[in-house]
Amino acid sequence: MAITVGSTTPTTGLLTSMGVGSGLDVATLVDKLVAAKKAPQQNQITNQAALANTQLSSLGQIGAALSALQSAMASITDGSAFNARTVTSADTDVLGATASGSPVSGSYKIDVTQLATALKASSGAFADSSAKVGTGTLTLAVDGQSMSLDLTDSNNSLAQVRDAINKASDNPGISATIVTGTDGAHLVLSGTRTGAANGFVVSSSGGDGGLAALDYDAAAGSGNALTVITAAQDAQYSIDGVAGHGAGNSVSGAIDGLTLNLVASGQTTLTVANDPSKGSSALSNLVNTYNSFVGIYQNLTKYDATSGTAGAMIGDATINGINSTLSRLVGGVANGTSLAVLGISLQVDGTLKLDNGKLTQAMSDGGKLASQLFGGDTGLAAQLNGQLDQWVGPNGTLAGRTSSISQQLSALKDQQATLDSRMADLTARYQAQFTALDTLMSKLNSTSSYLQQQFDALNNINKK
């Protein structure tokens, strides 16, 4: 009886290492077995990480929207948005002015009779900047402060005196320069501050007496060697007939909430009026910023029945709570009034609607209605800011949620590393097992080949 054995010719396309004996694609088989083993836990990790990252991104969007709302509240909270004033000078060549507080609306007649100036004086002519001035001690004083220079033949040229004055650490407020004309070089001293009290005094002592060429004291009847170019004097002005003066040409405190900038002698009228535009702009920005938050919230919590898809934060208690609280505050009453008096109303869809006409009318009172609504410890600004502070910031609710999710992602990363390590070990184990099987199959194939040869020989003998 003849026994037929199948061909043992190796199958082409197999790996040159594993599988040569068995004819199996061992590498693919191991990969599929490991993938099947890994899939359930891998899918769990992947899905949890995707959800956590989505929530993290969503919380970032909510946090950014709330931070923007905080910023929009800044000028409303400190009241600057409602206390804005326009300040207009009829002749800016005479006077300029800016609001530095909350000036009362009205007009003022300003008469500038004299500008404040700093003392400027020049020495007599020297041959040139290298000429020696003299030896001894030169003292320069301004309003009770002074400095002294000890000058010798090694450091007493006109240029060296100039440099010593300018570089002195205890300089009381004097600058020096050299002006050279047809008659020679002059040391010119200038006070760095305007006003009669800031005029300087220069005196000399000891040495060869040459430093007396720089002596100057406005109070002295004689002995002044310097020639005055510009005298030190105060600014002089009157406001509605009330006289005033000051050491500088920028005058604060003469009119409550205003800083006057004197430019030249002359008369002008200064007008202060309410500026509702800043308050209106701040409230419009608040409405837009609030509506931006609402849009983000609705997008993150919506459900599309047609597609069956839900927002990343649908049903999230924290986010729903934030939205509900904000809605309650902006739609409620504070200090006996509400946003409605300013033309701002809460809509059915949760957004705010601004009536610009009504807002303009409300702001025509100089911001009083708005200040009443937002101001004080029980005002809308305090209520909103109190909640916003609890939600955003390094210790806020959203920071706590973000930290928790970040820890979850870190744990998932560790789980992924552990899973990868286990699967690597499993791969190595499967490879070892199939390699052993492959070796066994190779031996069996060799035995089968030998037996085939024996049977073929036996068949040939039987045919004879």
Protein backbone atom coordinates (compact mmCIF):
# COMPACT_ATOMS: atom_id res chain seq x y z
CA MET A 1 0.00 0.00 0.00
CA ALA A 2 1.37 3.28 -0.95
CA ILE A 3 1.34 6.11 1.63
CA THR A 4 1.17 9.62 0.18
CA VAL A 5 2.79 12.47 2.11
CA GLY A 6 2.17 16.09 1.20
CA SER A 7 4.92 18.25 -0.24
CA THR A 8 7.32 19.77 2.27
CA THR A 9 8.45 22.52 -0.07
CA PRO A 10 8.77 25.71 2.12
CA THR A 11 5.99 28.29 1.58
CA THR A 12 7.32 31.52 0.06
CA GLY A 13 6.88 34.93 1.79
CA LEU A 14 7.37 33.63 5.34
CA LEU A 15 9.84 35.06 7.85
CA THR A 16 13.39 33.77 7.53
CA SER A 17 13.62 33.15 11.27
CA MET A 18 10.39 32.23 13.05
CA GLY A 19 8.11 29.98 11.01
CA VAL A 20 10.65 28.36 8.67
CA GLY A 21 10.01 24.99 10.17
CA SER A 22 6.26 25.17 10.68
CA GLY A 23 5.25 27.26 7.71
CA LEU A 24 3.38 29.62 10.08
CA ASP A 25 3.64 33.45 9.92
CA VAL A 26 4.65 33.55 13.56
CA ALA A 27 5.30 37.32 13.76
CA THR A 28 1.81 38.19 12.54
CA LEU A 29 0.25 35.55 14.75
CA VAL A 30 2.05 36.92 17.84
CA ASP A 31 1.07 40.51 16.99
CA LYS A 32 -2.59 39.56 16.66
CA LEU A 33 -2.62 37.56 19.85
CA VAL A 34 -0.99 40.39 21.83
CA ALA A 35 -3.28 43.00 20.25
CA ALA A 36 -6.35 40.96 21.19
CA LYS A 37 -5.08 40.63 24.75
CA LYS A 38 -4.23 44.36 24.98
CA ALA A 39 -7.30 45.81 23.30
CA PRO A 40 -9.82 45.93 26.21
CA GLN A 41 -7.53 47.76 28.65
CA GLN A 42 -6.00 49.87 25.90
CA ASN A 43 -9.42 51.04 24.77
CA GLN A 44 -10.32 51.90 28.36
CA ILE A 45 -7.15 53.97 28.84
CA THR A 46 -7.52 55.68 25.45
CA ASN A 47 -11.17 56.59 26.06
CA GLN A 48 -10.53 57.86 29.59
CA ALA A 49 -7.54 59.95 28.41
CA ALA A 50 -9.56 61.41 25.53
CA LEU A 51 -12.40 62.35 27.89
CA ALA A 52 -10.00 63.87 30.42
CA ASN A 53 -8.22 65.94 27.77
CA THR A 54 -11.54 67.14 26.40
CA GLN A 55 -12.68 68.17 29.88
CA LEU A 56 -9.36 69.87 30.49
CA SER A 57 -9.73 71.88 27.30
CA SER A 58 -13.34 72.73 28.17
CA LEU A 59 -12.39 73.96 31.64
CA GLY A 60 -9.70 76.09 30.01
CA GLN A 61 -12.30 77.70 27.77
CA ILE A 62 -14.62 78.38 30.70
CA GLY A 63 -11.74 79.74 32.80
CA ALA A 64 -10.61 82.08 30.00
CA ALA A 65 -14.16 83.37 29.54
CA LEU A 66 -14.53 84.04 33.28
CA SER A 67 -11.14 85.77 33.44
CA ALA A 68 -12.22 87.98 30.55
CA LEU A 69 -15.36 88.80 32.54
CA GLN A 70 -13.18 89.80 35.49
CA SER A 71 -11.17 92.12 33.24
CA ALA A 72 -14.36 93.64 31.85
CA MET A 73 -15.43 94.41 35.42
CA ALA A 74 -12.23 96.30 36.35
CA SER A 75 -13.19 99.88 35.42
CA ILE A 76 -16.76 99.24 36.54
CA THR A 77 -15.62 97.99 39.94
CA ASP A 78 -13.34 100.94 40.73
CA GLY A 79 -15.94 103.38 39.41
CA SER A 80 -13.61 105.02 36.90
CA ALA A 81 -15.93 104.07 34.04
CA PHE A 82 -18.73 106.17 35.53
CA ASN A 83 -16.67 109.11 36.79
CA ALA A 84 -15.07 109.99 33.47
CA ARG A 85 -15.01 113.66 32.54
CA THR A 86 -13.98 115.61 29.46
CA VAL A 87 -11.68 118.54 30.15
CA THR A 88 -11.44 121.20 27.45
CA SER A 89 -9.32 124.33 27.29
CA ALA A 90 -10.52 127.09 24.97
CA ASP A 91 -6.89 128.00 24.22
CA THR A 92 -4.42 125.12 24.48
CA ASP A 93 -1.58 127.52 23.66
CA VAL A 94 -2.16 129.01 27.11
CA LEU A 95 -3.33 126.07 29.19
CA GLY A 96 -3.87 122.34 29.01
CA ALA A 97 -5.56 120.20 31.64
CA THR A 98 -6.27 116.58 32.45
CA ALA A 99 -8.64 114.88 34.88
CA SER A 100 -6.69 113.22 37.68
CA GLY A 101 -9.71 112.31 39.76
CA SER A 102 -13.42 113.08 39.63
CA PRO A 103 -13.71 116.82 39.01
CA VAL A 104 -17.07 118.53 39.27
CA SER A 105 -18.60 119.59 35.98
CA GLY A 106 -18.36 123.32 35.33
CA SER A 107 -16.26 126.05 33.71
CA TYR A 108 -13.36 128.11 35.04
CA LYS A 109 -11.73 131.29 33.82
CA ILE A 110 -7.96 130.87 34.00
CA ASP A 111 -5.50 133.77 33.78
CA VAL A 112 -1.84 132.76 33.50
CA THR A 113 0.32 135.78 34.27
CA GLN A 114 3.74 134.12 34.64
CA LEU A 115 5.32 130.72 33.96
CA ALA A 116 7.65 129.03 36.39
CA THR A 117 11.29 129.07 35.27
CA ALA A 118 14.58 127.65 36.51
CA LEU A 119 17.63 129.81 37.28
CA LYS A 120 20.22 129.94 34.52
CA ALA A 121 23.42 131.95 34.84
CA SER A 122 26.71 132.30 32.94
CA SER A 123 30.27 132.98 34.07
CA GLY A 124 32.54 135.52 32.45
CA ALA A 125 34.70 134.47 29.51
CA PHE A 126 37.70 132.18 29.89
CA ALA A 127 40.30 131.63 27.20
CA ASP A 128 39.00 128.14 26.48
CA SER A 129 37.61 125.07 28.24
CA SER A 130 41.09 124.05 29.45
CA ALA A 131 41.67 127.35 31.22
CA LYS A 132 42.30 127.11 34.97
CA VAL A 133 39.50 128.59 37.08
CA GLY A 134 41.19 128.65 40.48
CA THR A 135 41.89 126.56 43.55
CA GLY A 136 39.98 126.12 46.80
CA THR A 137 36.50 124.88 47.68
CA LEU A 138 33.50 125.57 45.47
CA THR A 139 30.10 125.08 47.16
CA LEU A 140 26.84 124.88 45.24
CA ALA A 141 23.52 124.89 47.14
CA VAL A 142 19.81 124.62 46.27
CA ASP A 143 17.02 125.00 48.80
CA GLY A 144 19.04 123.80 51.82
CA GLN A 145 20.97 121.04 50.01
CA SER A 146 24.57 121.52 48.92
CA MET A 147 27.69 119.91 47.52
CA SER A 148 31.32 120.97 47.76
CA LEU A 149 34.13 120.51 45.24
CA ASP A 150 37.78 120.60 46.33
CA LEU A 151 39.69 122.01 43.37
CA THR A 152 43.44 122.00 42.92
CA ASP A 153 45.74 122.73 40.02
CA SER A 154 45.21 119.14 38.85
CA ASN A 155 41.42 119.32 38.47
CA ASN A 156 40.38 122.95 38.12
CA SER A 157 40.06 123.58 34.39
CA LEU A 158 36.73 124.92 33.19
CA ALA A 159 35.91 121.54 31.62
CA GLN A 160 36.94 119.67 34.79
CA VAL A 161 34.74 121.91 36.94
CA ARG A 162 31.81 121.26 34.58
CA ASP A 163 32.35 117.51 34.80
CA ALA A 164 32.76 117.54 38.57
CA ILE A 165 29.41 119.33 38.97
CA ASN A 166 27.52 117.03 36.61
CA LYS A 167 28.96 113.81 38.04
CA ALA A 168 28.67 114.63 41.74
CA SER A 169 26.51 112.07 43.56
CA ASP A 170 25.29 114.75 45.99
CA ASN A 171 24.40 117.28 43.29
CA PRO A 172 21.46 119.30 44.73
CA GLY A 173 19.93 120.10 41.34
CA ILE A 174 22.35 121.97 39.08
CA SER A 175 23.63 121.12 35.61
CA ALA A 176 26.69 122.67 33.97
CA THR A 177 27.74 123.16 30.38
CA ILE A 178 30.27 125.24 28.45
CA VAL A 179 29.18 127.74 25.82
CA THR A 180 31.96 129.13 23.64
CA GLY A 181 31.58 132.48 21.90
CA THR A 182 33.79 135.01 20.20
CA ASP A 183 34.97 136.26 23.58
CA GLY A 184 35.89 132.80 24.92
CA ALA A 185 34.41 129.93 26.92
CA HIS A 186 31.63 130.45 29.49
CA LEU A 187 30.53 128.03 32.22
CA VAL A 188 26.72 128.06 32.18
CA LEU A 189 24.90 126.72 35.25
CA SER A 190 21.21 125.77 35.14
CA GLY A 191 18.84 124.72 37.88
CA THR A 192 17.15 121.37 37.17
CA ARG A 193 13.94 122.43 38.93
CA THR A 194 11.75 125.47 38.33
CA GLY A 195 10.51 127.82 41.03
CA ALA A 196 11.87 130.68 43.08
CA ALA A 197 12.87 128.35 45.94
CA ASN A 198 15.00 126.26 43.61
CA GLY A 199 17.43 128.99 42.59
CA PHE A 200 21.04 128.03 43.31
CA VAL A 201 23.78 129.73 45.31
CA VAL A 202 27.46 129.35 44.41
CA SER A 203 30.18 130.33 46.88
CA SER A 204 33.95 129.82 47.09
CA SER A 205 36.50 129.70 49.89
CA GLY A 206 40.22 129.16 50.38
CA GLY A 207 42.72 128.60 47.61
CA ASP A 208 43.99 131.29 45.29
CA GLY A 209 40.68 133.17 45.11
CA GLY A 210 40.12 132.38 41.42
CA LEU A 211 36.93 130.44 42.17
CA ALA A 212 35.24 133.73 43.10
CA ALA A 213 34.67 134.10 39.34
CA LEU A 214 31.82 131.63 39.81
CA ASP A 215 30.20 133.14 42.93
CA TYR A 216 26.48 133.87 42.80
CA ASP A 217 23.76 134.61 45.37
CA ALA A 218 20.53 136.31 44.28
CA ALA A 219 20.04 137.60 47.82
CA ALA A 220 23.44 139.33 47.88
CA GLY A 221 23.57 143.00 47.03
CA SER A 222 26.98 142.73 45.40
CA GLY A 223 29.79 140.31 44.60
CA ASN A 224 27.92 138.20 42.06
CA ALA A 225 30.26 137.04 39.31
CA LEU A 226 27.67 135.13 37.29
CA THR A 227 25.31 136.88 34.88
CA VAL A 228 21.69 135.78 35.12
CA ILE A 229 20.23 134.54 31.86
CA THR A 230 16.90 133.37 33.29
CA ALA A 231 15.73 134.13 36.83
CA ALA A 232 14.18 131.45 39.05
CA GLN A 233 10.51 132.27 39.51
CA ASP A 234 7.19 130.65 40.40
CA ALA A 235 4.24 130.27 38.09
CA GLN A 236 1.49 132.78 38.81
CA TYR A 237 -2.11 132.42 37.78
CA SER A 238 -5.67 133.04 38.89
CA ILE A 239 -8.76 130.82 38.75
CA ASP A 240 -12.00 132.77 38.58
CA GLY A 241 -10.13 135.66 40.17
CA VAL A 242 -8.53 133.58 42.94
CA ALA A 243 -4.75 134.03 42.78
CA GLY A 244 -2.42 131.09 42.93
CA HIS A 245 1.24 130.23 42.39
CA GLY A 246 3.49 127.21 42.25
CA ALA A 247 7.06 126.13 41.70
CA GLY A 248 6.17 124.24 38.52
CA ASN A 249 4.02 124.68 35.45
CA SER A 250 2.09 121.49 36.21
CA VAL A 251 -0.35 122.43 38.94
CA SER A 252 -2.28 119.80 40.92
CA GLY A 253 -4.79 120.58 43.65
CA ALA A 254 -5.76 124.03 42.48
CA ILE A 255 -9.05 122.57 41.21
CA ASP A 256 -10.28 119.28 42.69
CA GLY A 257 -9.61 116.37 40.37
CA LEU A 258 -7.71 118.39 37.76
CA THR A 259 -4.09 118.88 36.81
CA LEU A 260 -3.39 122.18 35.06
CA ASN A 261 -0.51 122.42 32.58
CA LEU A 262 0.52 126.05 32.15
CA VAL A 263 1.90 126.71 28.66
CA ALA A 264 2.12 130.49 28.22
CA SER A 265 0.86 133.74 29.66
CA GLY A 266 -2.70 134.52 28.66
CA GLN A 267 -6.35 133.88 29.45
CA THR A 268 -8.56 130.93 28.65
CA THR A 269 -11.69 129.12 29.79
CA LEU A 270 -11.50 125.56 31.12
CA THR A 271 -14.63 123.42 30.81
CA VAL A 272 -15.30 120.15 32.65
CA ALA A 273 -18.21 117.99 31.48
CA ASN A 274 -19.53 114.49 32.05
CA ASP A 275 -18.14 111.87 29.64
CA PRO A 276 -20.70 109.06 29.39
CA SER A 277 -18.84 107.34 26.55
CA LYS A 278 -16.40 105.50 28.81
CA GLY A 279 -19.19 104.11 31.00
CA SER A 280 -21.26 103.12 27.99
CA SER A 281 -18.24 101.42 26.43
CA ALA A 282 -17.48 99.54 29.65
CA LEU A 283 -21.05 98.29 29.98
CA SER A 284 -21.21 97.30 26.31
CA ASN A 285 -17.97 95.36 26.76
CA LEU A 286 -19.42 93.69 29.85
CA VAL A 287 -22.48 92.55 27.89
CA ASN A 288 -20.36 91.21 25.02
CA THR A 289 -17.98 89.41 27.37
CA TYR A 290 -20.85 87.88 29.32
CA ASN A 291 -22.51 86.71 26.11
CA SER A 292 -19.23 85.17 25.00
CA PHE A 293 -19.20 83.09 28.19
CA VAL A 294 -22.80 82.04 27.61
CA GLY A 295 -21.95 80.96 24.05
CA ILE A 296 -19.04 78.82 25.27
CA TYR A 297 -21.17 77.31 28.04
CA GLN A 298 -24.00 76.44 25.67
CA ASN A 299 -21.63 74.87 23.16
CA LEU A 300 -20.03 72.69 25.84
CA THR A 301 -23.34 71.53 27.35
CA LYS A 302 -25.60 71.17 24.29
CA TYR A 303 -27.18 67.96 23.00
CA ASP A 304 -27.87 67.42 19.31
CA ALA A 305 -30.82 65.06 19.05
CA THR A 306 -30.39 64.65 15.31
CA SER A 307 -26.82 63.40 15.46
CA GLY A 308 -27.05 62.06 18.99
CA THR A 309 -23.90 63.97 20.02
CA ALA A 310 -23.46 65.72 23.36
CA GLY A 311 -21.18 68.55 24.49
CA ALA A 312 -18.05 67.72 26.43
CA MET A 313 -19.42 69.13 29.71
CA ILE A 314 -23.09 68.21 29.45
CA GLY A 315 -24.48 67.49 32.91
CA ASP A 316 -21.34 68.87 34.63
CA ALA A 317 -22.51 70.20 38.01
CA THR A 318 -19.67 72.72 38.38
CA ILE A 319 -20.17 74.36 35.00
CA ASN A 320 -23.96 74.35 35.34
CA GLY A 321 -23.64 75.92 38.77
CA ILE A 322 -21.42 78.71 37.45
CA ASN A 323 -23.85 79.52 34.66
CA SER A 324 -26.85 79.48 37.00
CA THR A 325 -25.16 81.78 39.50
CA LEU A 326 -24.11 84.31 36.88
CA SER A 327 -27.57 84.29 35.34
CA ARG A 328 -29.15 84.87 38.74
CA LEU A 329 -26.83 87.79 39.53
CA VAL A 330 -27.14 89.68 36.22
CA GLY A 331 -30.90 89.17 36.21
CA GLY A 332 -31.36 90.13 39.85
CA VAL A 333 -31.45 93.25 42.01
CA ALA A 334 -28.53 95.00 43.71
CA ASN A 335 -28.78 98.10 45.91
CA GLY A 336 -32.46 98.39 45.04
CA THR A 337 -31.93 98.55 41.27
CA SER A 338 -30.99 96.33 38.34
CA LEU A 339 -29.28 96.23 34.96
CA ALA A 340 -32.65 96.90 33.37
CA VAL A 341 -32.45 100.59 34.34
CA LEU A 342 -29.33 100.82 32.18
CA GLY A 343 -31.00 99.19 29.20
CA ILE A 344 -29.53 95.73 29.80
CA SER A 345 -31.96 92.81 29.96
CA LEU A 346 -31.58 89.05 30.41
CA GLN A 347 -32.97 87.06 27.48
CA VAL A 348 -34.67 83.67 27.45
CA ASP A 349 -31.61 82.09 25.83
CA GLY A 350 -29.43 83.24 28.74
CA THR A 351 -27.70 86.11 26.92
CA LEU A 352 -27.83 89.81 27.74
CA LYS A 353 -29.37 92.35 25.37
CA LEU A 354 -28.26 95.99 25.34
CA ASP A 355 -30.59 98.84 24.44
CA ASN A 356 -28.12 101.57 23.42
CA GLY A 357 -30.73 104.32 23.45
CA LYS A 358 -31.81 103.54 26.98
CA LEU A 359 -28.18 103.20 28.09
CA THR A 360 -27.30 106.62 26.67
CA GLN A 361 -30.23 108.16 28.49
CA ALA A 362 -29.31 106.42 31.75
CA MET A 363 -25.67 107.56 31.54
CA SER A 364 -26.66 111.21 31.01
CA ASP A 365 -26.86 111.63 34.78
CA GLY A 366 -23.08 111.44 35.06
CA GLY A 367 -23.04 107.75 35.93
CA LYS A 368 -25.06 108.03 39.14
CA LEU A 369 -27.50 105.23 38.32
CA ALA A 370 -24.70 102.94 37.23
CA SER A 371 -22.64 103.74 40.31
CA GLN A 372 -25.63 102.99 42.53
CA LEU A 373 -26.10 99.58 40.89
CA PHE A 374 -22.48 98.45 40.88
CA GLY A 375 -21.00 100.31 43.87
CA GLY A 376 -20.60 99.36 47.52
CA ASP A 377 -20.23 96.09 49.37
CA THR A 378 -23.68 94.91 48.28
CA GLY A 379 -23.47 96.23 44.71
CA LEU A 380 -23.51 94.08 41.60
CA ALA A 381 -19.76 94.51 41.11
CA ALA A 382 -19.01 93.10 44.57
CA GLN A 383 -21.40 90.21 44.00
CA LEU A 384 -19.97 89.29 40.61
CA ASN A 385 -16.35 89.71 41.66
CA GLY A 386 -16.92 87.65 44.78
CA GLN A 387 -18.14 84.72 42.71
CA LEU A 388 -15.50 85.13 39.99
CA ASP A 389 -12.76 85.09 42.62
CA GLN A 390 -14.08 81.74 43.90
CA TRP A 391 -14.11 80.23 40.41
CA VAL A 392 -10.90 81.45 38.80
CA GLY A 393 -7.41 82.03 40.09
CA PRO A 394 -4.75 79.73 41.56
CA ASN A 395 -7.02 78.51 44.37
CA GLY A 396 -10.35 78.67 42.54
CA THR A 397 -12.86 75.94 41.80
CA LEU A 398 -11.69 75.53 38.21
CA ALA A 399 -8.06 75.24 39.31
CA GLY A 400 -9.06 72.42 41.63
CA ARG A 401 -10.90 70.61 38.84
CA THR A 402 -7.99 71.12 36.47
CA SER A 403 -5.53 69.75 39.02
CA SER A 404 -7.71 66.69 39.59
CA ILE A 405 -7.95 65.95 35.86
CA SER A 406 -4.20 66.46 35.44
CA GLN A 407 -3.61 63.90 38.18
CA GLN A 408 -6.00 61.53 36.40
CA LEU A 409 -4.04 61.95 33.15
CA SER A 410 -0.81 61.30 35.00
CA ALA A 411 -2.27 58.10 36.45
CA LEU A 412 -3.44 57.03 32.98
CA LYS A 413 0.06 57.64 31.66
CA ASP A 414 1.42 55.30 34.34
CA GLN A 415 -1.23 52.71 33.45
CA GLN A 416 -0.23 52.96 29.80
CA ALA A 417 3.43 52.40 30.67
CA THR A 418 2.51 49.38 32.80
CA LEU A 419 0.31 47.95 30.05
CA ASP A 420 3.02 48.45 27.42
CA SER A 421 5.54 46.69 29.67
CA ARG A 422 3.19 43.74 30.26
CA MET A 423 2.46 43.41 26.56
CA ALA A 424 6.16 43.52 25.76
CA ASP A 425 6.69 40.64 28.21
CA LEU A 426 3.73 38.77 26.69
CA THR A 427 5.13 39.28 23.19
CA ALA A 428 8.48 37.85 24.27
CA ARG A 429 6.74 34.85 25.91
CA TYR A 430 4.61 34.11 22.83
CA GLN A 431 7.64 34.44 20.60
CA ALA A 432 9.57 31.96 22.76
CA GLN A 433 6.65 29.52 22.75
CA PHE A 434 6.13 29.67 19.00
CA THR A 435 9.85 29.44 18.38
CA ALA A 436 9.90 26.19 20.36
CA LEU A 437 6.90 25.00 18.37
CA ASP A 438 8.62 26.00 15.17
CA THR A 439 11.72 24.03 16.15
CA LEU A 440 9.58 20.98 16.89
CA MET A 441 7.76 21.33 13.59
CA SER A 442 11.10 21.57 11.79
CA LYS A 443 12.20 18.28 13.36
CA LEU A 444 8.90 16.66 12.43
CA ASN A 445 9.26 17.90 8.88
CA SER A 446 12.73 16.36 8.72
CA THR A 447 11.36 13.05 10.00
CA SER A 448 8.52 13.25 7.50
CA SER A 449 10.99 13.82 4.69
CA TYR A 450 13.04 10.85 5.75
CA LEU A 451 9.99 8.62 5.94
CA GLN A 452 8.84 9.83 2.53
CA GLN A 453 12.16 8.80 1.06
CA GLN A 454 11.88 5.36 2.67
CA PHE A 455 8.36 4.85 1.38
CA ASP A 456 9.38 5.97 -2.10
CA ALA A 457 12.23 3.41 -2.07
CA LEU A 458 9.88 0.68 -0.88
CA ASN A 459 7.38 1.51 -3.63
CA ASN A 460 10.10 1.28 -6.26
CA ILE A 461 11.14 -2.19 -4.99
CA ASN A 462 7.54 -3.41 -5.10
CA LYS A 463 7.18 -2.33 -8.73
CA LYS A 464 10.02 -4.58 -9.86
